[in-house]
């Protein structure tokens, strides 16, 4: 049986604190800015990201209401924990990593 939490390719939304990369050691984590996709519309971003990444992490709580997420071949994790700062995410790093372990919904 394969373990789900293998090396994952994770893309951080442009408003996500870049320091979050440090909390996701063991995975390939890039930011939207590093990938040259800053200021891109969400639909276009998800289309491109689904070709290169397994997971998209975003603090944008409206994203699931603005996009039909099942249309994209990428898991989306919405960081809805409070203020969008690294100090918010550090205490819940285990919860974030656990969210990455959940199996993707089959289409």
PDB file of N, CA and C in Angstrom:
ATOM      1  N   UNK A   1       0.841  -1.180   0.000  1.00  0.00           N
ATOM      2  CA  UNK A   1       0.000   0.000   0.000  1.00  0.00           C
ATOM      3  C   UNK A   1       0.889   1.247   0.000  1.00  0.00           C
ATOM      4  N   UNK A   2       0.602   2.158  -0.868  1.00  0.00           N
ATOM      5  CA  UNK A   2       1.368   3.399  -0.936  1.00  0.00           C
ATOM      6  C   UNK A   2       0.887   4.371   0.118  1.00  0.00           C
ATOM      7  N   UNK A   3       1.788   5.119   0.688  1.00  0.00           N
ATOM      8  CA  UNK A   3       1.427   6.143   1.673  1.00  0.00           C
ATOM      9  C   UNK A   3       1.099   7.416   0.923  1.00  0.00           C
ATOM     10  N   UNK A   4      -0.034   8.030   1.268  1.00  0.00           N
ATOM     11  CA  UNK A   4      -0.517   9.229   0.568  1.00  0.00           C
ATOM     12  C   UNK A   4       0.446  10.394   0.698  1.00  0.00           C
ATOM     13  N   UNK A   5       1.077  10.544   1.864  1.00  0.00           N
ATOM     14  CA  UNK A   5       1.884  11.738   2.106  1.00  0.00           C
ATOM     15  C   UNK A   5       3.288  11.591   1.533  1.00  0.00           C
ATOM     16  N   UNK A   6       3.356  11.356   0.258  1.00  0.00           N
ATOM     17  CA  UNK A   6       4.633  11.359  -0.444  1.00  0.00           C
ATOM     18  C   UNK A   6       4.948  12.811  -0.779  1.00  0.00           C
ATOM     19  N   UNK A   7       6.064  13.032  -1.431  1.00  0.00           N
ATOM     20  CA  UNK A   7       6.412  14.381  -1.842  1.00  0.00           C
ATOM     21  C   UNK A   7       5.275  14.958  -2.671  1.00  0.00           C
ATOM     22  N   UNK A   8       4.763  16.075  -2.230  1.00  0.00           N
ATOM     23  CA  UNK A   8       3.679  16.727  -2.952  1.00  0.00           C
ATOM     24  C   UNK A   8       4.184  18.040  -3.517  1.00  0.00           C
ATOM     25  N   UNK A   9       3.642  18.413  -4.646  1.00  0.00           N
ATOM     26  CA  UNK A   9       3.952  19.694  -5.261  1.00  0.00           C
ATOM     27  C   UNK A   9       2.839  20.658  -4.842  1.00  0.00           C
ATOM     28  N   UNK A  10       3.210  21.666  -4.049  1.00  0.00           N
ATOM     29  CA  UNK A  10       2.251  22.577  -3.444  1.00  0.00           C
ATOM     30  C   UNK A  10       2.501  23.995  -3.953  1.00  0.00           C
ATOM     31  N   UNK A  11       1.418  24.666  -4.347  1.00  0.00           N
ATOM     32  CA  UNK A  11       1.498  26.054  -4.785  1.00  0.00           C
ATOM     33  C   UNK A  11       0.799  26.927  -3.751  1.00  0.00           C
ATOM     34  N   UNK A  12       1.518  27.955  -3.276  1.00  0.00           N
ATOM     35  CA  UNK A  12       0.941  28.914  -2.325  1.00  0.00           C
ATOM     36  C   UNK A  12       0.383  30.103  -3.091  1.00  0.00           C
ATOM     37  N   UNK A  13      -0.852  30.462  -2.797  1.00  0.00           N
ATOM     38  CA  UNK A  13      -1.486  31.621  -3.409  1.00  0.00           C
ATOM     39  C   UNK A  13      -0.666  32.871  -3.094  1.00  0.00           C
ATOM     40  N   UNK A  14      -0.802  33.890  -3.917  1.00  0.00           N
ATOM     41  CA  UNK A  14       0.060  35.066  -3.766  1.00  0.00           C
ATOM     42  C   UNK A  14      -0.137  35.808  -2.454  1.00  0.00           C
ATOM     43  N   UNK A  15      -1.285  35.679  -1.816  1.00  0.00           N
ATOM     44  CA  UNK A  15      -1.487  36.364  -0.541  1.00  0.00           C
ATOM     45  C   UNK A  15      -1.116  35.499   0.661  1.00  0.00           C
ATOM     46  N   UNK A  16      -0.723  34.273   0.422  1.00  0.00           N
ATOM     47  CA  UNK A  16      -0.309  33.377   1.502  1.00  0.00           C
ATOM     48  C   UNK A  16       1.097  33.759   1.964  1.00  0.00           C
ATOM     49  N   UNK A  17       1.331  33.834   3.286  1.00  0.00           N
ATOM     50  CA  UNK A  17       2.687  34.165   3.751  1.00  0.00           C
ATOM     51  C   UNK A  17       3.717  33.171   3.213  1.00  0.00           C
ATOM     52  N   UNK A  18       4.761  33.682   2.631  1.00  0.00           N
ATOM     53  CA  UNK A  18       5.803  32.829   2.034  1.00  0.00           C
ATOM     54  C   UNK A  18       6.495  31.945   3.059  1.00  0.00           C
ATOM     55  N   UNK A  19       6.519  32.392   4.314  1.00  0.00           N
ATOM     56  CA  UNK A  19       7.176  31.612   5.367  1.00  0.00           C
ATOM     57  C   UNK A  19       6.469  30.279   5.615  1.00  0.00           C
ATOM     58  N   UNK A  20       5.254  30.145   5.098  1.00  0.00           N
ATOM     59  CA  UNK A  20       4.522  28.891   5.255  1.00  0.00           C
ATOM     60  C   UNK A  20       5.288  27.731   4.610  1.00  0.00           C
ATOM     61  N   UNK A  21       6.127  28.047   3.649  1.00  0.00           N
ATOM     62  CA  UNK A  21       6.953  27.022   3.009  1.00  0.00           C
ATOM     63  C   UNK A  21       7.777  26.259   4.041  1.00  0.00           C
ATOM     64  N   UNK A  22       8.253  26.957   5.067  1.00  0.00           N
ATOM     65  CA  UNK A  22       9.085  26.330   6.100  1.00  0.00           C
ATOM     66  C   UNK A  22       8.304  25.304   6.911  1.00  0.00           C
ATOM     67  N   UNK A  23       6.991  25.497   7.021  1.00  0.00           N
ATOM     68  CA  UNK A  23       6.156  24.571   7.785  1.00  0.00           C
ATOM     69  C   UNK A  23       5.794  23.328   6.977  1.00  0.00           C
ATOM     70  N   UNK A  24       6.118  23.332   5.703  1.00  0.00           N
ATOM     71  CA  UNK A  24       5.754  22.224   4.820  1.00  0.00           C
ATOM     72  C   UNK A  24       6.985  21.496   4.291  1.00  0.00           C
ATOM     73  N   UNK A  25       7.999  21.415   5.143  1.00  0.00           N
ATOM     74  CA  UNK A  25       9.233  20.725   4.770  1.00  0.00           C
ATOM     75  C   UNK A  25       8.921  19.320   4.282  1.00  0.00           C
ATOM     76  N   UNK A  26       9.706  18.871   3.332  1.00  0.00           N
ATOM     77  CA  UNK A  26       9.507  17.535   2.795  1.00  0.00           C
ATOM     78  C   UNK A  26       8.658  17.530   1.541  1.00  0.00           C
ATOM     79  N   UNK A  27       8.139  18.690   1.178  1.00  0.00           N
ATOM     80  CA  UNK A  27       7.340  18.821  -0.032  1.00  0.00           C
ATOM     81  C   UNK A  27       7.979  19.874  -0.931  1.00  0.00           C
ATOM     82  N   UNK A  28       7.639  19.835  -2.187  1.00  0.00           N
ATOM     83  CA  UNK A  28       8.081  20.869  -3.114  1.00  0.00           C
ATOM     84  C   UNK A  28       7.053  21.991  -3.039  1.00  0.00           C
ATOM     85  N   UNK A  29       7.432  23.119  -2.488  1.00  0.00           N
ATOM     86  CA  UNK A  29       6.500  24.233  -2.287  1.00  0.00           C
ATOM     87  C   UNK A  29       7.005  25.453  -3.035  1.00  0.00           C
ATOM     88  N   UNK A  30       6.140  26.011  -3.857  1.00  0.00           N
ATOM     89  CA  UNK A  30       6.464  27.220  -4.624  1.00  0.00           C
ATOM     90  C   UNK A  30       5.360  28.239  -4.379  1.00  0.00           C
ATOM     91  N   UNK A  31       5.700  29.500  -4.559  1.00  0.00           N
ATOM     92  CA  UNK A  31       4.686  30.547  -4.471  1.00  0.00           C
ATOM     93  C   UNK A  31       4.256  30.935  -5.885  1.00  0.00           C
ATOM     94  N   UNK A  32       3.086  31.524  -5.971  1.00  0.00           N
ATOM     95  CA  UNK A  32       2.580  32.018  -7.248  1.00  0.00           C
ATOM     96  C   UNK A  32       3.593  32.995  -7.846  1.00  0.00           C
ATOM     97  N   UNK A  33       4.157  33.866  -7.007  1.00  0.00           N
ATOM     98  CA  UNK A  33       5.129  34.847  -7.485  1.00  0.00           C
ATOM     99  C   UNK A  33       6.371  34.163  -8.049  1.00  0.00           C
ATOM    100  N   UNK A  34       6.894  33.162  -7.350  1.00  0.00           N
ATOM    101  CA  UNK A  34       8.082  32.450  -7.818  1.00  0.00           C
ATOM    102  C   UNK A  34       7.843  31.785  -9.170  1.00  0.00           C
ATOM    103  N   UNK A  35       6.613  31.382  -9.389  1.00  0.00           N
ATOM    104  CA  UNK A  35       6.277  30.690 -10.625  1.00  0.00           C
ATOM    105  C   UNK A  35       5.909  31.659 -11.752  1.00  0.00           C
ATOM    106  N   UNK A  36       5.883  32.959 -11.451  1.00  0.00           N
ATOM    107  CA  UNK A  36       5.579  33.961 -12.464  1.00  0.00           C
ATOM    108  C   UNK A  36       4.104  34.099 -12.778  1.00  0.00           C
ATOM    109  N   UNK A  37       3.250  33.706 -11.831  1.00  0.00           N
ATOM    110  CA  UNK A  37       1.815  33.735 -12.063  1.00  0.00           C
ATOM    111  C   UNK A  37       1.090  34.774 -11.207  1.00  0.00           C
ATOM    112  N   UNK A  38       1.789  35.778 -10.695  1.00  0.00           N
ATOM    113  CA  UNK A  38       1.163  36.809  -9.858  1.00  0.00           C
ATOM    114  C   UNK A  38       0.119  37.584 -10.663  1.00  0.00           C
ATOM    115  N   UNK A  39      -0.918  38.039  -9.992  1.00  0.00           N
ATOM    116  CA  UNK A  39      -1.995  38.866 -10.554  1.00  0.00           C
ATOM    117  C   UNK A  39      -2.824  38.137 -11.607  1.00  0.00           C
ATOM    118  N   UNK A  40      -2.735  36.827 -11.651  1.00  0.00           N
ATOM    119  CA  UNK A  40      -3.507  36.040 -12.595  1.00  0.00           C
ATOM    120  C   UNK A  40      -4.901  35.785 -12.017  1.00  0.00           C
ATOM    121  N   UNK A  41      -5.913  35.748 -12.854  1.00  0.00           N
ATOM    122  CA  UNK A  41      -7.275  35.437 -12.410  1.00  0.00           C
ATOM    123  C   UNK A  41      -7.322  34.001 -11.888  1.00  0.00           C
ATOM    124  N   UNK A  42      -8.195  33.749 -10.898  1.00  0.00           N
ATOM    125  CA  UNK A  42      -8.243  32.439 -10.247  1.00  0.00           C
ATOM    126  C   UNK A  42      -8.477  31.281 -11.205  1.00  0.00           C
ATOM    127  N   UNK A  43      -9.399  31.417 -12.143  1.00  0.00           N
ATOM    128  CA  UNK A  43      -9.677  30.327 -13.073  1.00  0.00           C
ATOM    129  C   UNK A  43      -8.463  29.957 -13.903  1.00  0.00           C
ATOM    130  N   UNK A  44      -7.798  30.954 -14.442  1.00  0.00           N
ATOM    131  CA  UNK A  44      -6.598  30.720 -15.240  1.00  0.00           C
ATOM    132  C   UNK A  44      -5.489  30.135 -14.368  1.00  0.00           C
ATOM    133  N   UNK A  45      -5.351  30.662 -13.157  1.00  0.00           N
ATOM    134  CA  UNK A  45      -4.329  30.178 -12.228  1.00  0.00           C
ATOM    135  C   UNK A  45      -4.554  28.707 -11.897  1.00  0.00           C
ATOM    136  N   UNK A  46      -5.789  28.323 -11.580  1.00  0.00           N
ATOM    137  CA  UNK A  46      -6.081  26.934 -11.245  1.00  0.00           C
ATOM    138  C   UNK A  46      -5.867  26.007 -12.438  1.00  0.00           C
ATOM    139  N   UNK A  47      -6.186  26.483 -13.626  1.00  0.00           N
ATOM    140  CA  UNK A  47      -5.965  25.681 -14.829  1.00  0.00           C
ATOM    141  C   UNK A  47      -4.481  25.390 -15.011  1.00  0.00           C
ATOM    142  N   UNK A  48      -3.656  26.419 -14.912  1.00  0.00           N
ATOM    143  CA  UNK A  48      -2.208  26.229 -15.058  1.00  0.00           C
ATOM    144  C   UNK A  48      -1.630  25.410 -13.903  1.00  0.00           C
ATOM    145  N   UNK A  49      -2.053  25.737 -12.690  1.00  0.00           N
ATOM    146  CA  UNK A  49      -1.519  25.055 -11.508  1.00  0.00           C
ATOM    147  C   UNK A  49      -1.844  23.564 -11.533  1.00  0.00           C
ATOM    148  N   UNK A  50      -3.016  23.198 -12.038  1.00  0.00           N
ATOM    149  CA  UNK A  50      -3.406  21.786 -12.043  1.00  0.00           C
ATOM    150  C   UNK A  50      -2.511  20.943 -12.955  1.00  0.00           C
ATOM    151  N   UNK A  51      -1.786  21.588 -13.848  1.00  0.00           N
ATOM    152  CA  UNK A  51      -0.876  20.868 -14.736  1.00  0.00           C
ATOM    153  C   UNK A  51       0.473  20.582 -14.085  1.00  0.00           C
ATOM    154  N   UNK A  52       0.803  21.331 -13.012  1.00  0.00           N
ATOM    155  CA  UNK A  52       2.127  21.209 -12.405  1.00  0.00           C
ATOM    156  C   UNK A  52       2.137  20.923 -10.909  1.00  0.00           C
ATOM    157  N   UNK A  53       0.992  21.112 -10.245  1.00  0.00           N
ATOM    158  CA  UNK A  53       0.952  20.983  -8.790  1.00  0.00           C
ATOM    159  C   UNK A  53      -0.148  20.028  -8.356  1.00  0.00           C
ATOM    160  N   UNK A  54       0.013  19.491  -7.134  1.00  0.00           N
ATOM    161  CA  UNK A  54      -0.985  18.600  -6.549  1.00  0.00           C
ATOM    162  C   UNK A  54      -1.977  19.360  -5.683  1.00  0.00           C
ATOM    163  N   UNK A  55      -1.484  20.428  -5.026  1.00  0.00           N
ATOM    164  CA  UNK A  55      -2.300  21.160  -4.053  1.00  0.00           C
ATOM    165  C   UNK A  55      -2.100  22.657  -4.226  1.00  0.00           C
ATOM    166  N   UNK A  56      -3.191  23.399  -4.068  1.00  0.00           N
ATOM    167  CA  UNK A  56      -3.161  24.859  -4.067  1.00  0.00           C
ATOM    168  C   UNK A  56      -3.613  25.309  -2.684  1.00  0.00           C
ATOM    169  N   UNK A  57      -2.749  26.007  -1.943  1.00  0.00           N
ATOM    170  CA  UNK A  57      -3.077  26.537  -0.616  1.00  0.00           C
ATOM    171  C   UNK A  57      -3.406  28.009  -0.747  1.00  0.00           C
ATOM    172  N   UNK A  58      -4.551  28.397  -0.201  1.00  0.00           N
ATOM    173  CA  UNK A  58      -4.988  29.785  -0.315  1.00  0.00           C
ATOM    174  C   UNK A  58      -5.744  30.229   0.934  1.00  0.00           C
ATOM    175  N   UNK A  59      -5.634  31.492   1.302  1.00  0.00           N
ATOM    176  CA  UNK A  59      -6.462  32.027   2.375  1.00  0.00           C
ATOM    177  C   UNK A  59      -7.786  32.603   1.844  1.00  0.00           C
ATOM    178  N   UNK A  60      -8.006  32.496   0.551  1.00  0.00           N
ATOM    179  CA  UNK A  60      -9.184  33.083  -0.099  1.00  0.00           C
ATOM    180  C   UNK A  60     -10.419  32.231   0.182  1.00  0.00           C
ATOM    181  N   UNK A  61     -11.181  32.618   1.187  1.00  0.00           N
ATOM    182  CA  UNK A  61     -12.375  31.871   1.587  1.00  0.00           C
ATOM    183  C   UNK A  61     -13.481  31.936   0.541  1.00  0.00           C
ATOM    184  N   UNK A  62     -13.385  32.885  -0.374  1.00  0.00           N
ATOM    185  CA  UNK A  62     -14.399  33.011  -1.420  1.00  0.00           C
ATOM    186  C   UNK A  62     -14.127  32.109  -2.623  1.00  0.00           C
ATOM    187  N   UNK A  63     -12.926  31.599  -2.732  1.00  0.00           N
ATOM    188  CA  UNK A  63     -12.556  30.810  -3.908  1.00  0.00           C
ATOM    189  C   UNK A  63     -13.532  29.670  -4.193  1.00  0.00           C
ATOM    190  N   UNK A  64     -13.941  28.874  -3.188  1.00  0.00           N
ATOM    191  CA  UNK A  64     -14.872  27.783  -3.481  1.00  0.00           C
ATOM    192  C   UNK A  64     -16.234  28.270  -4.006  1.00  0.00           C
ATOM    193  N   UNK A  65     -16.584  29.508  -3.723  1.00  0.00           N
ATOM    194  CA  UNK A  65     -17.857  30.061  -4.197  1.00  0.00           C
ATOM    195  C   UNK A  65     -17.712  30.722  -5.562  1.00  0.00           C
ATOM    196  N   UNK A  66     -16.485  31.074  -5.915  1.00  0.00           N
ATOM    197  CA  UNK A  66     -16.236  31.768  -7.182  1.00  0.00           C
ATOM    198  C   UNK A  66     -15.849  30.824  -8.310  1.00  0.00           C
ATOM    199  N   UNK A  67     -15.332  29.658  -7.953  1.00  0.00           N
ATOM    200  CA  UNK A  67     -14.862  28.705  -8.955  1.00  0.00           C
ATOM    201  C   UNK A  67     -15.527  27.347  -8.717  1.00  0.00           C
ATOM    202  N   UNK A  68     -15.732  26.606  -9.762  1.00  0.00           N
ATOM    203  CA  UNK A  68     -16.225  25.235  -9.649  1.00  0.00           C
ATOM    204  C   UNK A  68     -14.995  24.337  -9.473  1.00  0.00           C
ATOM    205  N   UNK A  69     -14.599  24.144  -8.224  1.00  0.00           N
ATOM    206  CA  UNK A  69     -13.343  23.453  -7.934  1.00  0.00           C
ATOM    207  C   UNK A  69     -13.267  22.028  -8.487  1.00  0.00           C
ATOM    208  N   UNK A  70     -14.379  21.280  -8.563  1.00  0.00           N
ATOM    209  CA  UNK A  70     -14.282  19.933  -9.160  1.00  0.00           C
ATOM    210  C   UNK A  70     -13.865  19.947 -10.634  1.00  0.00           C
ATOM    211  N   UNK A  71     -13.949  21.101 -11.277  1.00  0.00           N
ATOM    212  CA  UNK A  71     -13.539  21.206 -12.679  1.00  0.00           C
ATOM    213  C   UNK A  71     -12.024  21.199 -12.848  1.00  0.00           C
ATOM    214  N   UNK A  72     -11.287  21.352 -11.761  1.00  0.00           N
ATOM    215  CA  UNK A  72      -9.829  21.436 -11.821  1.00  0.00           C
ATOM    216  C   UNK A  72      -9.207  20.192 -11.207  1.00  0.00           C
ATOM    217  N   UNK A  73      -8.143  19.722 -11.800  1.00  0.00           N
ATOM    218  CA  UNK A  73      -7.462  18.535 -11.319  1.00  0.00           C
ATOM    219  C   UNK A  73      -6.365  18.925 -10.325  1.00  0.00           C
ATOM    220  N   UNK A  74      -6.795  19.577  -9.250  1.00  0.00           N
ATOM    221  CA  UNK A  74      -5.875  19.999  -8.199  1.00  0.00           C
ATOM    222  C   UNK A  74      -6.670  20.080  -6.897  1.00  0.00           C
ATOM    223  N   UNK A  75      -6.071  19.632  -5.810  1.00  0.00           N
ATOM    224  CA  UNK A  75      -6.714  19.773  -4.505  1.00  0.00           C
ATOM    225  C   UNK A  75      -6.534  21.217  -4.048  1.00  0.00           C
ATOM    226  N   UNK A  76      -7.573  21.779  -3.451  1.00  0.00           N
ATOM    227  CA  UNK A  76      -7.516  23.147  -2.942  1.00  0.00           C
ATOM    228  C   UNK A  76      -7.744  23.099  -1.439  1.00  0.00           C
ATOM    229  N   UNK A  77      -6.801  23.671  -0.692  1.00  0.00           N
ATOM    230  CA  UNK A  77      -6.931  23.773   0.760  1.00  0.00           C
ATOM    231  C   UNK A  77      -7.067  25.253   1.090  1.00  0.00           C
ATOM    232  N   UNK A  78      -8.205  25.614   1.701  1.00  0.00           N
ATOM    233  CA  UNK A  78      -8.464  26.996   2.086  1.00  0.00           C
ATOM    234  C   UNK A  78      -8.034  27.168   3.537  1.00  0.00           C
ATOM    235  N   UNK A  79      -7.124  28.098   3.769  1.00  0.00           N
ATOM    236  CA  UNK A  79      -6.610  28.394   5.104  1.00  0.00           C
ATOM    237  C   UNK A  79      -7.538  29.415   5.757  1.00  0.00           C
ATOM    238  N   UNK A  80      -8.508  28.925   6.518  1.00  0.00           N
ATOM    239  CA  UNK A  80      -9.516  29.795   7.122  1.00  0.00           C
ATOM    240  C   UNK A  80      -9.360  29.776   8.638  1.00  0.00           C
ATOM    241  N   UNK A  81      -8.211  30.215   9.119  1.00  0.00           N
ATOM    242  CA  UNK A  81      -7.900  30.107  10.540  1.00  0.00           C
ATOM    243  C   UNK A  81      -7.877  31.436  11.280  1.00  0.00           C
ATOM    244  N   UNK A  82      -8.037  32.521  10.587  1.00  0.00           N
ATOM    245  CA  UNK A  82      -7.939  33.829  11.227  1.00  0.00           C
ATOM    246  C   UNK A  82      -7.127  34.753  10.347  1.00  0.00           C
ATOM    247  N   UNK A  83      -6.448  35.711  10.966  1.00  0.00           N
ATOM    248  CA  UNK A  83      -5.639  36.646  10.171  1.00  0.00           C
ATOM    249  C   UNK A  83      -4.618  35.903   9.312  1.00  0.00           C
ATOM    250  N   UNK A  84      -4.446  36.353   8.103  1.00  0.00           N
ATOM    251  CA  UNK A  84      -3.553  35.709   7.150  1.00  0.00           C
ATOM    252  C   UNK A  84      -2.104  36.115   7.409  1.00  0.00           C
ATOM    253  N   UNK A  85      -1.562  35.574   8.509  1.00  0.00           N
ATOM    254  CA  UNK A  85      -0.173  35.842   8.895  1.00  0.00           C
ATOM    255  C   UNK A  85       0.475  34.539   9.310  1.00  0.00           C
ATOM    256  N   UNK A  86       1.765  34.460   9.182  1.00  0.00           N
ATOM    257  CA  UNK A  86       2.475  33.238   9.550  1.00  0.00           C
ATOM    258  C   UNK A  86       2.244  32.909  11.025  1.00  0.00           C
ATOM    259  N   UNK A  87       2.104  33.924  11.874  1.00  0.00           N
ATOM    260  CA  UNK A  87       1.857  33.684  13.302  1.00  0.00           C
ATOM    261  C   UNK A  87       0.533  32.960  13.527  1.00  0.00           C
ATOM    262  N   UNK A  88      -0.399  33.095  12.619  1.00  0.00           N
ATOM    263  CA  UNK A  88      -1.677  32.370  12.696  1.00  0.00           C
ATOM    264  C   UNK A  88      -1.475  30.907  12.353  1.00  0.00           C
ATOM    265  N   UNK A  89      -0.618  30.629  11.381  1.00  0.00           N
ATOM    266  CA  UNK A  89      -0.465  29.274  10.864  1.00  0.00           C
ATOM    267  C   UNK A  89       0.542  28.425  11.633  1.00  0.00           C
ATOM    268  N   UNK A  90       1.517  29.043  12.266  1.00  0.00           N
ATOM    269  CA  UNK A  90       2.530  28.271  12.996  1.00  0.00           C
ATOM    270  C   UNK A  90       1.920  27.348  14.048  1.00  0.00           C
ATOM    271  N   UNK A  91       0.990  27.823  14.894  1.00  0.00           N
ATOM    272  CA  UNK A  91       0.432  26.928  15.910  1.00  0.00           C
ATOM    273  C   UNK A  91      -0.427  25.797  15.340  1.00  0.00           C
ATOM    274  N   UNK A  92      -0.893  25.948  14.108  1.00  0.00           N
ATOM    275  CA  UNK A  92      -1.753  24.920  13.516  1.00  0.00           C
ATOM    276  C   UNK A  92      -1.059  24.197  12.347  1.00  0.00           C
ATOM    277  N   UNK A  93       0.250  24.229  12.347  1.00  0.00           N
ATOM    278  CA  UNK A  93       1.005  23.591  11.261  1.00  0.00           C
ATOM    279  C   UNK A  93       0.634  22.119  11.112  1.00  0.00           C
ATOM    280  N   UNK A  94       0.419  21.418  12.228  1.00  0.00           N
ATOM    281  CA  UNK A  94       0.035  20.007  12.155  1.00  0.00           C
ATOM    282  C   UNK A  94      -1.329  19.838  11.483  1.00  0.00           C
ATOM    283  N   UNK A  95      -2.243  20.748  11.732  1.00  0.00           N
ATOM    284  CA  UNK A  95      -3.571  20.695  11.112  1.00  0.00           C
ATOM    285  C   UNK A  95      -3.454  20.902   9.604  1.00  0.00           C
ATOM    286  N   UNK A  96      -2.609  21.831   9.208  1.00  0.00           N
ATOM    287  CA  UNK A  96      -2.405  22.092   7.775  1.00  0.00           C
ATOM    288  C   UNK A  96      -1.795  20.862   7.118  1.00  0.00           C
ATOM    289  N   UNK A  97      -0.773  20.281   7.744  1.00  0.00           N
ATOM    290  CA  UNK A  97      -0.154  19.084   7.176  1.00  0.00           C
ATOM    291  C   UNK A  97      -1.162  17.933   7.101  1.00  0.00           C
ATOM    292  N   UNK A  98      -2.022  17.819   8.097  1.00  0.00           N
ATOM    293  CA  UNK A  98      -3.057  16.777   8.107  1.00  0.00           C
ATOM    294  C   UNK A  98      -4.030  16.992   6.946  1.00  0.00           C
ATOM    295  N   UNK A  99      -4.382  18.232   6.662  1.00  0.00           N
ATOM    296  CA  UNK A  99      -5.278  18.522   5.536  1.00  0.00           C
ATOM    297  C   UNK A  99      -4.659  18.060   4.226  1.00  0.00           C
ATOM    298  N   UNK A 100      -3.335  18.112   4.140  1.00  0.00           N
ATOM    299  CA  UNK A 100      -2.646  17.653   2.935  1.00  0.00           C
ATOM    300  C   UNK A 100      -2.657  16.131   2.816  1.00  0.00           C
ATOM    301  N   UNK A 101      -2.850  15.438   3.939  1.00  0.00           N
ATOM    302  CA  UNK A 101      -2.875  13.979   3.938  1.00  0.00           C
ATOM    303  C   UNK A 101      -4.200  13.405   3.472  1.00  0.00           C
ATOM    304  N   UNK A 102      -5.263  14.214   3.552  1.00  0.00           N
ATOM    305  CA  UNK A 102      -6.581  13.708   3.185  1.00  0.00           C
ATOM    306  C   UNK A 102      -6.589  13.310   1.718  1.00  0.00           C
ATOM    307  N   UNK A 103      -7.135  12.157   1.416  1.00  0.00           N
ATOM    308  CA  UNK A 103      -7.169  11.749   0.007  1.00  0.00           C
ATOM    309  C   UNK A 103      -8.021  12.676  -0.825  1.00  0.00           C
ATOM    310  N   UNK A 104      -7.604  12.874  -2.030  1.00  0.00           N
ATOM    311  CA  UNK A 104      -8.357  13.734  -2.944  1.00  0.00           C
ATOM    312  C   UNK A 104      -9.650  13.053  -3.320  1.00  0.00           C
ATOM    313  N   UNK A 105     -10.670  13.827  -3.476  1.00  0.00           N
ATOM    314  CA  UNK A 105     -11.976  13.321  -3.875  1.00  0.00           C
ATOM    315  C   UNK A 105     -11.891  12.844  -5.323  1.00  0.00           C
ATOM    316  N   UNK A 106     -12.379  11.645  -5.554  1.00  0.00           N
ATOM    317  CA  UNK A 106     -12.376  11.121  -6.917  1.00  0.00           C
ATOM    318  C   UNK A 106     -13.484  11.794  -7.707  1.00  0.00           C
ATOM    319  N   UNK A 107     -13.237  12.001  -8.986  1.00  0.00           N
ATOM    320  CA  UNK A 107     -14.233  12.641  -9.845  1.00  0.00           C
ATOM    321  C   UNK A 107     -15.044  11.603 -10.555  1.00  0.00           C
TER     322      UNK A 107
END
